[in-house]
Amino acid sequence: QVQMVESGGGVVQAGGSLRLSCVASGRTLINVDMGWYRQAPGKEREFVAMTRWSLRGYNSEYAHSAKDRFTISRDNAGNATYLEMNSLKPEDTAIYYCNVHVPGPLPIDYWGQGTQVTVSS
């Protein structure tokens, strides 16, 4: 089992910045994927950004809406991921969920409790 603690959400004006943090524990995390999804009111949960493990290190992936504005990072131990969000827009308003994805023949997904991000216009 994996437990995650998210922090960093809040209310910010359009054009502002926020930094989300997610610290995970409970198993070896260095060789798993770790990232962020979000869910806006009345919409389905959508992918935002991910750090994917490979033998050569972590590779970052971004949704089109996040590219050039958001930056995802991962600590060396693999236990934490951070999402730096700049130039925030009202449409970024959502609950942001940390995700740990354990790849393999029987993949497993773990989810944090979510942190609210509200961008006012």
Protein backbone atom coordinates (compact mmCIF):
# COMPACT_ATOMS: atom_id res chain seq x y z
CA GLN A 1 0.00 0.00 0.00
CA VAL A 2 1.12 3.54 -0.75
CA GLN A 3 0.14 6.63 1.20
CA MET A 4 0.45 10.09 -0.27
CA VAL A 5 0.27 13.51 1.35
CA GLU A 6 -0.41 16.43 -0.96
CA SER A 7 0.00 20.11 -0.19
CA GLY A 8 0.33 23.47 -1.88
CA GLY A 9 -3.13 24.14 -3.24
CA GLY A 10 -4.90 27.42 -2.68
CA VAL A 11 -6.50 30.46 -4.25
CA VAL A 12 -4.51 32.58 -6.68
CA GLN A 13 -5.28 35.26 -9.23
CA ALA A 14 -4.96 34.60 -12.94
CA GLY A 15 -1.34 34.84 -13.99
CA GLY A 16 -0.11 33.75 -10.60
CA SER A 17 1.83 30.68 -9.51
CA LEU A 18 1.45 27.74 -7.16
CA ARG A 19 3.66 24.79 -6.26
CA LEU A 20 2.07 21.46 -5.40
CA SER A 21 3.91 18.81 -3.42
CA CYS A 22 3.22 15.12 -3.00
CA VAL A 23 5.19 12.93 -0.61
CA ALA A 24 4.60 9.19 -0.80
CA SER A 25 5.50 6.31 1.48
CA GLY A 26 4.72 2.66 2.03
CA ARG A 27 6.83 0.81 -0.54
CA THR A 28 9.80 1.21 -2.84
CA LEU A 29 8.98 4.13 -5.09
CA ILE A 30 12.13 4.74 -7.06
CA ASN A 31 11.03 2.57 -10.01
CA VAL A 32 7.44 3.74 -10.39
CA ASP A 33 5.72 6.57 -12.23
CA MET A 34 4.52 9.51 -10.18
CA GLY A 35 2.58 12.55 -11.28
CA TRP A 36 -0.60 14.62 -11.28
CA TYR A 37 -4.14 14.51 -12.56
CA ARG A 38 -6.92 17.04 -12.03
CA GLN A 39 -10.69 17.11 -11.96
CA ALA A 40 -12.75 20.24 -12.51
CA PRO A 41 -16.41 20.48 -11.40
CA GLY A 42 -18.65 18.53 -13.75
CA LYS A 43 -15.72 17.11 -15.71
CA GLU A 44 -13.81 13.86 -15.78
CA ARG A 45 -10.41 13.48 -14.20
CA GLU A 46 -7.68 14.38 -16.69
CA PHE A 47 -3.95 13.88 -16.98
CA VAL A 48 -1.72 16.86 -16.18
CA ALA A 49 1.90 15.72 -15.88
CA MET A 50 3.92 12.63 -15.01
CA THR A 51 7.47 11.53 -14.23
CA ARG A 52 7.97 8.09 -15.76
CA TRP A 53 10.71 5.82 -14.52
CA SER A 54 13.20 4.29 -16.93
CA LEU A 55 16.63 2.71 -16.55
CA ARG A 56 18.12 6.03 -17.65
CA GLY A 57 16.20 8.09 -15.12
CA TYR A 58 12.87 9.87 -14.97
CA ASN A 59 11.21 11.25 -18.09
CA SER A 60 8.61 14.01 -17.85
CA GLU A 61 5.37 14.05 -19.77
CA TYR A 62 2.83 16.86 -19.96
CA ALA A 63 -0.70 17.38 -21.15
CA HIS A 64 -0.96 19.97 -23.91
CA SER A 65 -2.71 22.35 -21.51
CA ALA A 66 0.21 22.15 -19.06
CA LYS A 67 3.14 22.31 -21.42
CA ASP A 68 5.22 25.53 -21.24
CA ARG A 69 3.43 26.63 -18.04
CA PHE A 70 3.85 23.72 -15.61
CA THR A 71 7.03 21.94 -14.55
CA ILE A 72 7.05 18.56 -12.84
CA SER A 73 10.00 17.31 -10.84
CA ARG A 74 10.92 14.31 -8.71
CA ASP A 75 13.28 13.99 -5.80
CA ASN A 76 16.32 11.70 -6.10
CA ALA A 77 14.87 9.08 -3.78
CA GLY A 78 11.73 8.92 -5.89
CA ASN A 79 9.48 9.53 -2.92
CA ALA A 80 8.17 12.97 -3.82
CA THR A 81 6.97 14.87 -6.83
CA TYR A 82 6.39 18.57 -7.26
CA LEU A 83 4.32 20.52 -9.76
CA GLU A 84 5.35 24.13 -10.34
CA MET A 85 2.42 25.91 -11.99
CA ASN A 86 2.95 29.33 -13.59
CA SER A 87 0.75 31.65 -15.62
CA LEU A 88 -2.32 30.07 -14.06
CA LYS A 89 -5.66 30.51 -15.79
CA PRO A 90 -9.22 30.23 -14.43
CA GLU A 91 -9.61 27.01 -16.44
CA ASP A 92 -6.85 25.47 -14.30
CA THR A 93 -9.28 25.51 -11.37
CA ALA A 94 -9.69 21.92 -10.20
CA ILE A 95 -8.87 19.41 -7.53
CA TYR A 96 -5.36 18.15 -8.24
CA TYR A 97 -4.62 14.52 -7.40
CA CYS A 98 -1.24 12.94 -6.93
CA ASN A 99 -0.89 9.59 -8.68
CA VAL A 100 1.54 6.73 -8.19
CA HIS A 101 1.47 4.24 -11.05
CA VAL A 102 3.21 0.92 -10.60
CA PRO A 103 3.84 -0.45 -14.10
CA GLY A 104 3.98 -4.14 -14.94
CA PRO A 105 1.79 -7.02 -16.06
CA LEU A 106 -0.68 -6.08 -13.29
CA PRO A 107 -0.39 -2.28 -13.06
CA ILE A 108 -1.58 -0.57 -9.90
CA ASP A 109 -2.64 3.02 -9.36
CA TYR A 110 -2.64 4.84 -6.05
CA TRP A 111 -4.29 8.24 -5.51
CA GLY A 112 -3.85 11.03 -3.03
CA GLN A 113 -6.76 12.78 -1.37
CA GLY A 114 -6.50 15.80 -3.67
CA THR A 115 -5.71 19.45 -3.16
CA GLN A 116 -7.93 22.29 -4.38
CA VAL A 117 -6.52 24.88 -6.78
CA THR A 118 -8.71 27.90 -7.49
CA VAL A 119 -7.69 30.55 -10.02
CA SER A 120 -9.74 33.73 -9.95
CA SER A 121 -10.10 36.00 -12.96
